Protein backbone atom coordinates (compact mmCIF):
# COMPACT_ATOMS: atom_id res chain seq x y z
CA UNK A 1 28.34 -21.42 6.53
CA UNK A 2 30.06 -20.09 3.42
CA UNK A 3 29.92 -16.63 1.75
CA UNK A 4 27.02 -17.42 -0.50
CA UNK A 5 24.86 -18.67 2.37
CA UNK A 6 25.81 -15.67 4.66
CA UNK A 7 24.99 -13.08 1.90
CA UNK A 8 21.55 -14.60 1.26
CA UNK A 9 20.67 -14.74 4.99
CA UNK A 10 22.02 -11.20 5.60
CA UNK A 11 19.87 -9.86 2.64
CA UNK A 12 16.75 -11.72 3.73
CA UNK A 13 17.13 -10.75 7.38
CA UNK A 14 17.02 -7.00 6.29
CA UNK A 15 14.00 -7.64 3.97
CA UNK A 16 16.12 -6.54 0.91
CA UNK A 17 15.48 -8.12 -2.49
CA UNK A 18 18.31 -9.12 -4.78
CA UNK A 19 17.38 -6.15 -7.08
CA UNK A 20 17.56 -3.70 -4.29
CA UNK A 21 20.92 -4.93 -3.04
CA UNK A 22 22.28 -4.78 -6.71
CA UNK A 23 21.09 -1.17 -6.87
CA UNK A 24 23.00 -0.36 -3.66
CA UNK A 25 26.15 -2.03 -5.01
CA UNK A 26 25.82 -0.76 -8.52
CA UNK A 27 25.76 -4.17 -10.03
CA UNK A 28 23.36 -6.31 -11.89
CA UNK A 29 20.71 -8.41 -10.14
CA UNK A 30 22.23 -11.43 -11.96
CA UNK A 31 25.55 -10.71 -10.35
CA UNK A 32 23.97 -10.82 -6.82
CA UNK A 33 22.04 -14.04 -7.74
CA UNK A 34 25.38 -15.73 -8.85
CA UNK A 35 27.10 -14.71 -5.60
CA UNK A 36 24.27 -16.23 -3.59
CA UNK A 37 24.31 -19.44 -5.65
CA UNK A 38 28.12 -19.68 -5.28
CA UNK A 39 28.76 -19.51 -9.02
CA UNK A 40 30.97 -16.36 -8.73
CA UNK A 41 32.54 -14.29 -5.95
CA UNK A 42 32.48 -10.43 -5.45
CA UNK A 43 35.73 -8.51 -5.82
CA UNK A 44 37.28 -6.77 -2.84
CA UNK A 45 35.51 -3.42 -3.53
CA UNK A 46 32.05 -5.07 -3.54
CA UNK A 47 32.99 -7.11 -0.44
CA UNK A 48 33.84 -3.82 1.42
CA UNK A 49 30.59 -2.30 0.23
CA UNK A 50 28.55 -5.39 1.40
CA UNK A 51 30.29 -5.28 4.84
CA UNK A 52 29.31 -1.59 5.15
CA UNK A 53 25.64 -2.26 4.11
CA UNK A 54 25.10 -5.17 6.55
CA UNK A 55 27.41 -3.85 9.33
CA UNK A 56 29.63 -6.93 9.38
CA UNK A 57 33.34 -7.35 8.82
CA UNK A 58 34.87 -8.43 5.57
CA UNK A 59 36.80 -11.03 7.70
CA UNK A 60 33.43 -12.47 8.75
CA UNK A 61 32.12 -12.58 5.16
CA UNK A 62 35.02 -14.50 3.70
CA UNK A 63 35.76 -16.96 6.45
CA UNK A 64 33.71 -20.20 6.73
CA UNK A 65 32.49 -20.99 10.27
CA UNK A 66 35.08 -23.76 10.53
CA UNK A 67 37.80 -21.10 10.22
CA UNK A 68 36.46 -18.88 13.02
CA UNK A 69 38.50 -18.41 16.24
CA UNK A 70 37.27 -20.92 18.90
CA UNK A 71 36.21 -19.47 22.43
CA UNK A 72 37.41 -20.70 25.81
CA UNK A 73 36.03 -23.73 27.50
CA UNK A 74 34.50 -21.58 30.23
CA UNK A 75 32.59 -19.60 27.77
CA UNK A 76 31.37 -22.74 25.92
CA UNK A 77 30.18 -24.13 29.29
CA UNK A 78 28.20 -20.96 30.11
CA UNK A 79 26.67 -20.81 26.70
CA UNK A 80 25.76 -24.66 26.88
CA UNK A 81 23.85 -24.04 30.10
CA UNK A 82 22.23 -20.94 28.72
CA UNK A 83 21.21 -22.81 25.56
CA UNK A 84 19.69 -25.67 27.58
CA UNK A 85 17.72 -23.25 29.74
CA UNK A 86 16.52 -21.20 26.74
CA UNK A 87 15.26 -24.38 24.99
CA UNK A 88 13.45 -25.56 28.09
CA UNK A 89 11.88 -22.10 28.45
CA UNK A 90 10.74 -22.05 24.90
CA UNK A 91 9.24 -25.64 25.28
CA UNK A 92 7.28 -24.50 28.35
CA UNK A 93 5.84 -21.14 27.16
CA UNK A 94 4.27 -19.95 23.87
CA UNK A 95 4.91 -23.01 21.69
CA UNK A 96 3.54 -25.28 24.38
CA UNK A 97 0.59 -22.92 25.13
CA UNK A 98 1.92 -22.66 28.77
CA UNK A 99 3.42 -19.93 30.92
CA UNK A 100 1.15 -17.08 30.02
CA UNK A 101 1.37 -14.24 32.58
CA UNK A 102 0.16 -10.73 33.20
CA UNK A 103 0.77 -8.18 30.33
CA UNK A 104 3.88 -5.98 30.92
CA UNK A 105 2.59 -3.38 28.46
CA UNK A 106 -0.89 -2.43 27.26
CA UNK A 107 -2.28 -5.20 25.08
CA UNK A 108 0.97 -7.21 25.18
CA UNK A 109 1.10 -10.95 25.39
CA UNK A 110 3.67 -12.20 27.91
CA UNK A 111 5.03 -15.64 28.73
CA UNK A 112 7.39 -16.40 31.68
CA UNK A 113 9.50 -19.44 32.77
CA UNK A 114 11.70 -19.66 35.83
CA UNK A 115 14.22 -22.21 37.09
CA UNK A 116 16.65 -21.64 39.92
CA UNK A 117 18.46 -18.32 39.25
CA UNK A 118 17.29 -18.19 35.58
CA UNK A 119 14.29 -16.18 34.28
CA UNK A 120 12.90 -16.17 30.73
CA UNK A 121 10.34 -13.75 29.51
CA UNK A 122 8.71 -13.54 26.03
CA UNK A 123 6.52 -10.48 25.28
CA UNK A 124 5.07 -9.50 22.03
CA UNK A 125 2.49 -7.13 20.35
CA UNK A 126 0.11 -7.81 17.54
CA UNK A 127 -1.24 -10.90 15.87
CA UNK A 128 -1.19 -11.11 12.08
CA UNK A 129 1.61 -8.42 12.18
CA UNK A 130 3.64 -8.79 15.29
CA UNK A 131 6.78 -7.77 17.09
CA UNK A 132 8.35 -8.99 20.29
CA UNK A 133 11.35 -9.75 22.43
CA UNK A 134 12.58 -12.82 24.32
CA UNK A 135 15.13 -12.26 27.20
CA UNK A 136 16.98 -14.19 29.80
CA UNK A 137 18.15 -13.00 33.27
CA UNK A 138 20.49 -14.84 35.70
CA UNK A 139 20.03 -13.53 39.28
CA UNK A 140 18.09 -10.48 37.83
CA UNK A 141 20.98 -9.71 35.58
CA UNK A 142 20.23 -9.62 31.74
CA UNK A 143 22.45 -12.00 29.79
CA UNK A 144 20.54 -12.68 26.61
CA UNK A 145 17.99 -10.98 24.26
CA UNK A 146 16.36 -11.61 20.94
CA UNK A 147 14.00 -9.31 19.08
CA UNK A 148 11.66 -10.49 16.37
CA UNK A 149 9.12 -9.23 13.83
CA UNK A 150 6.84 -11.08 11.53
CA UNK A 151 3.58 -11.30 9.57
CA UNK A 152 0.98 -13.68 8.40
CA UNK A 153 0.57 -13.60 4.63
CA UNK A 154 -2.31 -15.96 4.00
CA UNK A 155 -5.47 -17.25 5.62
CA UNK A 156 -4.11 -20.72 5.43
CA UNK A 157 -1.56 -19.90 8.09
CA UNK A 158 -1.75 -22.34 11.10
CA UNK A 159 -0.56 -21.09 14.43
CA UNK A 160 -0.66 -24.66 15.77
CA UNK A 161 1.77 -25.70 12.96
CA UNK A 162 4.13 -22.75 13.95
CA UNK A 163 4.10 -23.92 17.55
CA UNK A 164 4.79 -27.57 16.40
CA UNK A 165 7.92 -26.30 14.52
CA UNK A 166 9.12 -24.07 17.41
CA UNK A 167 8.86 -27.00 19.83
CA UNK A 168 11.40 -28.78 17.63
CA UNK A 169 14.20 -26.21 18.22
CA UNK A 170 17.34 -27.94 19.40
CA UNK A 171 20.86 -27.09 20.55
CA UNK A 172 22.08 -26.68 17.02
CA UNK A 173 19.43 -24.10 16.38
CA UNK A 174 17.98 -22.86 19.75
CA UNK A 175 16.85 -19.32 18.56
CA UNK A 176 13.45 -20.27 16.99
CA UNK A 177 12.66 -23.57 15.35
CA UNK A 178 14.58 -26.21 13.37
CA UNK A 179 16.27 -25.67 10.00
CA UNK A 180 13.48 -27.61 8.44
CA UNK A 181 10.23 -29.18 9.42
CA UNK A 182 7.31 -30.50 7.35
CA UNK A 183 3.82 -31.69 8.29
CA UNK A 184 1.31 -32.40 5.55
CA UNK A 185 1.06 -29.40 3.20
CA UNK A 186 2.91 -27.17 5.60
CA UNK A 187 6.82 -26.55 5.43
CA UNK A 188 8.70 -24.56 7.99
CA UNK A 189 12.29 -23.35 7.44
CA UNK A 190 14.75 -21.35 9.53
CA UNK A 191 18.19 -19.89 8.63
CA UNK A 192 20.49 -18.38 11.16
CA UNK A 193 23.65 -16.41 10.54
CA UNK A 194 26.04 -16.19 13.64
CA UNK A 195 25.96 -17.85 17.03
CA UNK A 196 24.74 -17.12 20.59
CA UNK A 197 27.02 -14.10 20.81
CA UNK A 198 25.52 -12.29 17.89
CA UNK A 199 23.12 -13.57 15.27
CA UNK A 200 20.46 -12.76 12.73
CA UNK A 201 17.86 -15.13 11.24
CA UNK A 202 14.86 -15.62 9.07
CA UNK A 203 12.07 -18.20 9.28
CA UNK A 204 9.14 -18.79 6.90
CA UNK A 205 6.21 -21.17 6.37
CA UNK A 206 4.99 -22.43 3.10
CA UNK A 207 1.60 -24.07 2.33
CA UNK A 208 2.36 -26.22 -0.56
CA UNK A 209 4.13 -23.69 -2.97
CA UNK A 210 2.86 -20.54 -1.31
CA UNK A 211 4.67 -18.58 1.42
CA UNK A 212 2.07 -17.85 4.05
CA UNK A 213 4.29 -16.55 7.00
CA UNK A 214 7.70 -14.94 7.56
CA UNK A 215 9.60 -13.68 10.65
CA UNK A 216 13.00 -11.85 10.94
CA UNK A 217 14.92 -12.01 14.23
CA UNK A 218 18.23 -11.05 15.64
CA UNK A 219 19.82 -11.19 19.08
CA UNK A 220 22.76 -12.30 21.15
CA UNK A 221 24.46 -12.10 24.59
CA UNK A 222 23.93 -9.03 26.73
CA UNK A 223 27.04 -7.69 28.52
């Protein structure tokens, strides 16, 4: 992921418009648009200001993913196991209309999946406007958590289509659904900035040319 992609995802994940970001940076909206399209690149002062706004390092902003430091084999193995379990849990709970359990809070919706020493719980509040958390424990020790907040923007929203999309999450994008999924007039897209250690993301659904749903999420490993 290059700088233009990271900037666009960071901005969207905070719910900030290009104009609002330009006001914070004291530049024109056109300048922000050119950065996000890859036409131009901000100077070092603006890079520092961007890193302050989004609480990320300048080093992270300017390095492509291919240039990032690799992690140890043991860490990779543990993350691969966690990713496999997380995907299996997601495919056996909310998206699959399975695993519903007793509410943990007043009027909450809770889903649970267990396998050997692993436990996954998804709990959320609301319906058209909602907020929730997914978490994984190993031997009752929390190892992963993700928070999300979203809203339905139009009566044409289909919960069944969202579930279809979420069931298509894979190892390359295990946090919500796939990068892109389309069925009939419905289109789902999901962008993620970061990896299992620490990430932020944004998903949306369009019906033809109209956005009818959006959700922001962020999470990572618990230590």
